[in-house]
C-alpha cells in the first residue's frame, strides 16, 4: 500500500516537473524571440537601414518583424 502510494506520488511529481520545465523553456524562448525582434526592429527603423535597404526594411517591418 505504501509503496503503491509512493510510486503514484513520485510519478505525479515527475510529470509535474516535466510540465514545469517545458513551460519554463517556452517562457525563456519567448523572451529571447522578443528581445531579438526588438533588436531587429530597432535596426530596421534606423537611418542606415532606411537609406541603404529601404525596400527590405519596409517589407520586414510590414511582415511583422518586431517585439512580441
PDB file of N, CA and C in Angstrom:
ATOM      1  N   UNK A   1       0.818  -1.195   0.000  1.00  0.00           N
ATOM      2  CA  UNK A   1       0.000   0.000   0.000  1.00  0.00           C
ATOM      3  C   UNK A   1       0.866   1.266   0.000  1.00  0.00           C
ATOM      4  N   UNK A   2       1.837   1.298   0.897  1.00  0.00           N
ATOM      5  CA  UNK A   2       2.685   2.491   0.990  1.00  0.00           C
ATOM      6  C   UNK A   2       3.554   2.609  -0.257  1.00  0.00           C
ATOM      7  N   UNK A   3       4.067   1.506  -0.759  1.00  0.00           N
ATOM      8  CA  UNK A   3       4.888   1.557  -1.973  1.00  0.00           C
ATOM      9  C   UNK A   3       4.065   2.010  -3.171  1.00  0.00           C
ATOM     10  N   UNK A   4       2.818   1.574  -3.246  1.00  0.00           N
ATOM     11  CA  UNK A   4       1.948   1.985  -4.347  1.00  0.00           C
ATOM     12  C   UNK A   4       1.675   3.474  -4.283  1.00  0.00           C
ATOM     13  N   UNK A   5       1.382   3.991  -3.093  1.00  0.00           N
ATOM     14  CA  UNK A   5       1.133   5.418  -2.915  1.00  0.00           C
ATOM     15  C   UNK A   5       2.390   6.220  -3.233  1.00  0.00           C
ATOM     16  N   UNK A   6       3.520   5.729  -2.738  1.00  0.00           N
ATOM     17  CA  UNK A   6       4.788   6.408  -3.015  1.00  0.00           C
ATOM     18  C   UNK A   6       5.064   6.443  -4.518  1.00  0.00           C
ATOM     19  N   UNK A   7       4.849   5.345  -5.183  1.00  0.00           N
ATOM     20  CA  UNK A   7       5.079   5.269  -6.620  1.00  0.00           C
ATOM     21  C   UNK A   7       4.148   6.231  -7.369  1.00  0.00           C
ATOM     22  N   UNK A   8       2.889   6.321  -6.943  1.00  0.00           N
ATOM     23  CA  UNK A   8       1.923   7.211  -7.595  1.00  0.00           C
ATOM     24  C   UNK A   8       2.335   8.673  -7.406  1.00  0.00           C
ATOM     25  N   UNK A   9       2.694   9.042  -6.182  1.00  0.00           N
ATOM     26  CA  UNK A   9       3.109  10.423  -5.926  1.00  0.00           C
ATOM     27  C   UNK A   9       4.405  10.756  -6.657  1.00  0.00           C
ATOM     28  N   UNK A  10       5.286   9.789  -6.735  1.00  0.00           N
ATOM     29  CA  UNK A  10       6.543  10.003  -7.461  1.00  0.00           C
ATOM     30  C   UNK A  10       6.262  10.233  -8.960  1.00  0.00           C
ATOM     31  N   UNK A  11       5.346   9.477  -9.524  1.00  0.00           N
ATOM     32  CA  UNK A  11       5.001   9.634 -10.936  1.00  0.00           C
ATOM     33  C   UNK A  11       4.352  10.998 -11.190  1.00  0.00           C
ATOM     34  N   UNK A  12       3.465  11.414 -10.294  1.00  0.00           N
ATOM     35  CA  UNK A  12       2.816  12.721 -10.451  1.00  0.00           C
ATOM     36  C   UNK A  12       3.849  13.839 -10.312  1.00  0.00           C
ATOM     37  N   UNK A  13       4.736  13.737  -9.342  1.00  0.00           N
ATOM     38  CA  UNK A  13       5.769  14.755  -9.155  1.00  0.00           C
ATOM     39  C   UNK A  13       6.695  14.827 -10.370  1.00  0.00           C
ATOM     40  N   UNK A  14       7.050  13.679 -10.919  1.00  0.00           N
ATOM     41  CA  UNK A  14       7.918  13.643 -12.097  1.00  0.00           C
ATOM     42  C   UNK A  14       7.224  14.307 -13.288  1.00  0.00           C
ATOM     43  N   UNK A  15       5.946  13.998 -13.489  1.00  0.00           N
ATOM     44  CA  UNK A  15       5.199  14.578 -14.605  1.00  0.00           C
ATOM     45  C   UNK A  15       5.065  16.091 -14.440  1.00  0.00           C
ATOM     46  N   UNK A  16       4.796  16.542 -13.227  1.00  0.00           N
ATOM     47  CA  UNK A  16       4.673  17.982 -12.990  1.00  0.00           C
ATOM     48  C   UNK A  16       6.011  18.698 -13.202  1.00  0.00           C
ATOM     49  N   UNK A  17       7.110  18.044 -12.853  1.00  0.00           N
ATOM     50  CA  UNK A  17       8.433  18.619 -13.094  1.00  0.00           C
ATOM     51  C   UNK A  17       8.699  18.762 -14.590  1.00  0.00           C
ATOM     52  N   UNK A  18       8.315  17.765 -15.361  1.00  0.00           N
ATOM     53  CA  UNK A  18       8.494  17.820 -16.815  1.00  0.00           C
ATOM     54  C   UNK A  18       7.639  18.944 -17.397  1.00  0.00           C
ATOM     55  N   UNK A  19       6.388  19.041 -16.980  1.00  0.00           N
ATOM     56  CA  UNK A  19       5.498  20.103 -17.483  1.00  0.00           C
ATOM     57  C   UNK A  19       6.029  21.469 -17.074  1.00  0.00           C
ATOM     58  N   UNK A  20       6.467  21.602 -15.835  1.00  0.00           N
ATOM     59  CA  UNK A  20       7.029  22.874 -15.372  1.00  0.00           C
ATOM     60  C   UNK A  20       8.267  23.256 -16.158  1.00  0.00           C
ATOM     61  N   UNK A  21       9.126  22.301 -16.454  1.00  0.00           N
ATOM     62  CA  UNK A  21      10.316  22.581 -17.258  1.00  0.00           C
ATOM     63  C   UNK A  21       9.959  23.006 -18.667  1.00  0.00           C
ATOM     64  N   UNK A  22       8.942  22.374 -19.241  1.00  0.00           N
ATOM     65  CA  UNK A  22       8.509  22.748 -20.590  1.00  0.00           C
ATOM     66  C   UNK A  22       7.939  24.162 -20.613  1.00  0.00           C
ATOM     67  N   UNK A  23       7.178  24.516 -19.597  1.00  0.00           N
ATOM     68  CA  UNK A  23       6.625  25.871 -19.516  1.00  0.00           C
ATOM     69  C   UNK A  23       7.746  26.887 -19.333  1.00  0.00           C
ATOM     70  N   UNK A  24       8.702  26.581 -18.489  1.00  0.00           N
ATOM     71  CA  UNK A  24       9.835  27.485 -18.296  1.00  0.00           C
ATOM     72  C   UNK A  24      10.624  27.648 -19.591  1.00  0.00           C
ATOM     73  N   UNK A  25      10.842  26.560 -20.307  1.00  0.00           N
ATOM     74  CA  UNK A  25      11.541  26.627 -21.587  1.00  0.00           C
ATOM     75  C   UNK A  25      10.783  27.502 -22.580  1.00  0.00           C
ATOM     76  N   UNK A  26       9.466  27.349 -22.633  1.00  0.00           N
ATOM     77  CA  UNK A  26       8.654  28.168 -23.537  1.00  0.00           C
ATOM     78  C   UNK A  26       8.758  29.651 -23.180  1.00  0.00           C
ATOM     79  N   UNK A  27       8.729  29.976 -21.902  1.00  0.00           N
ATOM     80  CA  UNK A  27       8.851  31.375 -21.482  1.00  0.00           C
ATOM     81  C   UNK A  27      10.213  31.958 -21.850  1.00  0.00           C
ATOM     82  N   UNK A  28      11.258  31.189 -21.655  1.00  0.00           N
ATOM     83  CA  UNK A  28      12.608  31.666 -21.992  1.00  0.00           C
ATOM     84  C   UNK A  28      12.731  31.865 -23.496  1.00  0.00           C
ATOM     85  N   UNK A  29      12.188  30.943 -24.290  1.00  0.00           N
ATOM     86  CA  UNK A  29      12.244  31.097 -25.748  1.00  0.00           C
ATOM     87  C   UNK A  29      11.449  32.323 -26.202  1.00  0.00           C
ATOM     88  N   UNK A  30      10.283  32.549 -25.600  1.00  0.00           N
ATOM     89  CA  UNK A  30       9.502  33.739 -25.945  1.00  0.00           C
ATOM     90  C   UNK A  30      10.255  35.017 -25.589  1.00  0.00           C
ATOM     91  N   UNK A  31      10.952  35.013 -24.466  1.00  0.00           N
ATOM     92  CA  UNK A  31      11.742  36.170 -24.070  1.00  0.00           C
ATOM     93  C   UNK A  31      12.867  36.420 -25.070  1.00  0.00           C
ATOM     94  N   UNK A  32      13.551  35.368 -25.484  1.00  0.00           N
ATOM     95  CA  UNK A  32      14.647  35.513 -26.453  1.00  0.00           C
ATOM     96  C   UNK A  32      14.130  36.012 -27.799  1.00  0.00           C
ATOM     97  N   UNK A  33      12.996  35.480 -28.259  1.00  0.00           N
ATOM     98  CA  UNK A  33      12.420  35.920 -29.529  1.00  0.00           C
ATOM     99  C   UNK A  33      12.000  37.381 -29.444  1.00  0.00           C
ATOM    100  N   UNK A  34      11.450  37.788 -28.313  1.00  0.00           N
ATOM    101  CA  UNK A  34      11.030  39.170 -28.142  1.00  0.00           C
ATOM    102  C   UNK A  34      12.224  40.120 -28.157  1.00  0.00           C
ATOM    103  N   UNK A  35      13.284  39.751 -27.456  1.00  0.00           N
ATOM    104  CA  UNK A  35      14.484  40.598 -27.447  1.00  0.00           C
ATOM    105  C   UNK A  35      15.091  40.674 -28.835  1.00  0.00           C
ATOM    106  N   UNK A  36      15.159  39.549 -29.533  1.00  0.00           N
ATOM    107  CA  UNK A  36      15.691  39.535 -30.895  1.00  0.00           C
ATOM    108  C   UNK A  36      14.826  40.385 -31.822  1.00  0.00           C
ATOM    109  N   UNK A  37      13.501  40.272 -31.697  1.00  0.00           N
ATOM    110  CA  UNK A  37      12.596  41.066 -32.525  1.00  0.00           C
ATOM    111  C   UNK A  37      12.738  42.549 -32.269  1.00  0.00           C
ATOM    112  N   UNK A  38      12.894  42.923 -31.008  1.00  0.00           N
ATOM    113  CA  UNK A  38      13.082  44.340 -30.673  1.00  0.00           C
ATOM    114  C   UNK A  38      14.393  44.862 -31.262  1.00  0.00           C
ATOM    115  N   UNK A  39      15.446  44.053 -31.211  1.00  0.00           N
ATOM    116  CA  UNK A  39      16.735  44.464 -31.762  1.00  0.00           C
ATOM    117  C   UNK A  39      16.639  44.640 -33.277  1.00  0.00           C
ATOM    118  N   UNK A  40      16.026  43.663 -33.955  1.00  0.00           N
ATOM    119  CA  UNK A  40      15.891  43.744 -35.404  1.00  0.00           C
ATOM    120  C   UNK A  40      15.001  44.921 -35.800  1.00  0.00           C
ATOM    121  N   UNK A  41      13.940  45.156 -35.042  1.00  0.00           N
ATOM    122  CA  UNK A  41      13.057  46.281 -35.328  1.00  0.00           C
ATOM    123  C   UNK A  41      13.805  47.611 -35.197  1.00  0.00           C
ATOM    124  N   UNK A  42      14.634  47.709 -34.174  1.00  0.00           N
ATOM    125  CA  UNK A  42      15.429  48.933 -33.996  1.00  0.00           C
ATOM    126  C   UNK A  42      16.372  49.134 -35.176  1.00  0.00           C
ATOM    127  N   UNK A  43      17.004  48.068 -35.627  1.00  0.00           N
ATOM    128  CA  UNK A  43      17.918  48.165 -36.770  1.00  0.00           C
ATOM    129  C   UNK A  43      17.144  48.552 -38.030  1.00  0.00           C
ATOM    130  N   UNK A  44      15.973  47.952 -38.244  1.00  0.00           N
ATOM    131  CA  UNK A  44      15.196  48.243 -39.451  1.00  0.00           C
ATOM    132  C   UNK A  44      14.648  49.667 -39.467  1.00  0.00           C
ATOM    133  N   UNK A  45      14.440  50.254 -38.308  1.00  0.00           N
ATOM    134  CA  UNK A  45      13.961  51.634 -38.240  1.00  0.00           C
ATOM    135  C   UNK A  45      15.099  52.655 -38.219  1.00  0.00           C
ATOM    136  N   UNK A  46      16.341  52.184 -38.237  1.00  0.00           N
ATOM    137  CA  UNK A  46      17.483  53.094 -38.171  1.00  0.00           C
ATOM    138  C   UNK A  46      17.643  53.865 -39.482  1.00  0.00           C
ATOM    139  N   UNK A  47      18.392  54.938 -39.396  1.00  0.00           N
ATOM    140  CA  UNK A  47      18.648  55.768 -40.578  1.00  0.00           C
ATOM    141  C   UNK A  47      19.449  54.979 -41.617  1.00  0.00           C
ATOM    142  N   UNK A  48      20.367  54.140 -41.161  1.00  0.00           N
ATOM    143  CA  UNK A  48      21.171  53.352 -42.089  1.00  0.00           C
ATOM    144  C   UNK A  48      20.289  52.422 -42.908  1.00  0.00           C
ATOM    145  N   UNK A  49      19.382  51.711 -42.261  1.00  0.00           N
ATOM    146  CA  UNK A  49      18.536  50.747 -42.972  1.00  0.00           C
ATOM    147  C   UNK A  49      17.582  51.449 -43.930  1.00  0.00           C
ATOM    148  N   UNK A  50      17.010  52.553 -43.501  1.00  0.00           N
ATOM    149  CA  UNK A  50      16.082  53.258 -44.393  1.00  0.00           C
ATOM    150  C   UNK A  50      16.804  53.907 -45.567  1.00  0.00           C
ATOM    151  N   UNK A  51      18.096  54.175 -45.417  1.00  0.00           N
ATOM    152  CA  UNK A  51      18.856  54.763 -46.519  1.00  0.00           C
ATOM    153  C   UNK A  51      19.427  53.698 -47.457  1.00  0.00           C
ATOM    154  N   UNK A  52      19.883  52.571 -46.917  1.00  0.00           N
ATOM    155  CA  UNK A  52      20.589  51.581 -47.726  1.00  0.00           C
ATOM    156  C   UNK A  52      19.711  50.425 -48.205  1.00  0.00           C
ATOM    157  N   UNK A  53      18.759  50.008 -47.414  1.00  0.00           N
ATOM    158  CA  UNK A  53      17.889  48.890 -47.802  1.00  0.00           C
ATOM    159  C   UNK A  53      16.427  49.239 -47.495  1.00  0.00           C
ATOM    160  N   UNK A  54      15.925  50.305 -48.107  1.00  0.00           N
ATOM    161  CA  UNK A  54      14.578  50.753 -47.734  1.00  0.00           C
ATOM    162  C   UNK A  54      13.483  49.733 -48.076  1.00  0.00           C
ATOM    163  N   UNK A  55      13.602  49.065 -49.212  1.00  0.00           N
ATOM    164  CA  UNK A  55      12.577  48.096 -49.602  1.00  0.00           C
ATOM    165  C   UNK A  55      12.533  46.907 -48.654  1.00  0.00           C
ATOM    166  N   UNK A  56      13.693  46.349 -48.358  1.00  0.00           N
ATOM    167  CA  UNK A  56      13.768  45.212 -47.453  1.00  0.00           C
ATOM    168  C   UNK A  56      13.328  45.602 -46.049  1.00  0.00           C
ATOM    169  N   UNK A  57      13.779  46.758 -45.587  1.00  0.00           N
ATOM    170  CA  UNK A  57      13.409  47.208 -44.244  1.00  0.00           C
ATOM    171  C   UNK A  57      11.899  47.381 -44.142  1.00  0.00           C
ATOM    172  N   UNK A  58      11.269  48.033 -45.124  1.00  0.00           N
ATOM    173  CA  UNK A  58       9.823  48.244 -45.088  1.00  0.00           C
ATOM    174  C   UNK A  58       9.082  46.909 -45.180  1.00  0.00           C
ATOM    175  N   UNK A  59       9.578  45.998 -46.029  1.00  0.00           N
ATOM    176  CA  UNK A  59       8.920  44.700 -46.187  1.00  0.00           C
ATOM    177  C   UNK A  59       8.966  43.898 -44.886  1.00  0.00           C
ATOM    178  N   UNK A  60      10.127  43.877 -44.221  1.00  0.00           N
ATOM    179  CA  UNK A  60      10.251  43.141 -42.971  1.00  0.00           C
ATOM    180  C   UNK A  60       9.401  43.758 -41.865  1.00  0.00           C
ATOM    181  N   UNK A  61       9.352  45.083 -41.802  1.00  0.00           N
ATOM    182  CA  UNK A  61       8.524  45.745 -40.789  1.00  0.00           C
ATOM    183  C   UNK A  61       7.048  45.445 -41.058  1.00  0.00           C
ATOM    184  N   UNK A  62       6.653  45.513 -42.330  1.00  0.00           N
ATOM    185  CA  UNK A  62       5.255  45.201 -42.679  1.00  0.00           C
ATOM    186  C   UNK A  62       4.919  43.727 -42.446  1.00  0.00           C
ATOM    187  N   UNK A  63       5.918  42.848 -42.537  1.00  0.00           N
ATOM    188  CA  UNK A  63       5.707  41.425 -42.296  1.00  0.00           C
ATOM    189  C   UNK A  63       5.491  41.112 -40.819  1.00  0.00           C
ATOM    190  N   UNK A  64       5.789  42.085 -39.967  1.00  0.00           N
ATOM    191  CA  UNK A  64       5.548  41.892 -38.539  1.00  0.00           C
ATOM    192  C   UNK A  64       6.776  41.644 -37.712  1.00  0.00           C
ATOM    193  N   UNK A  65       7.959  41.880 -38.281  1.00  0.00           N
ATOM    194  CA  UNK A  65       9.188  41.711 -37.503  1.00  0.00           C
ATOM    195  C   UNK A  65       9.191  42.766 -36.408  1.00  0.00           C
ATOM    196  N   UNK A  66       9.364  42.324 -35.192  1.00  0.00           N
ATOM    197  CA  UNK A  66       9.384  43.239 -34.062  1.00  0.00           C
ATOM    198  C   UNK A  66       9.167  42.470 -32.771  1.00  0.00           C
ATOM    199  N   UNK A  67       9.078  43.195 -31.679  1.00  0.00           N
ATOM    200  CA  UNK A  67       8.891  42.517 -30.395  1.00  0.00           C
ATOM    201  C   UNK A  67       7.520  41.868 -30.304  1.00  0.00           C
ATOM    202  N   UNK A  68       7.436  40.803 -29.523  1.00  0.00           N
ATOM    203  CA  UNK A  68       6.154  40.133 -29.332  1.00  0.00           C
ATOM    204  C   UNK A  68       5.589  40.477 -27.976  1.00  0.00           C
TER     205      UNK A  68
END
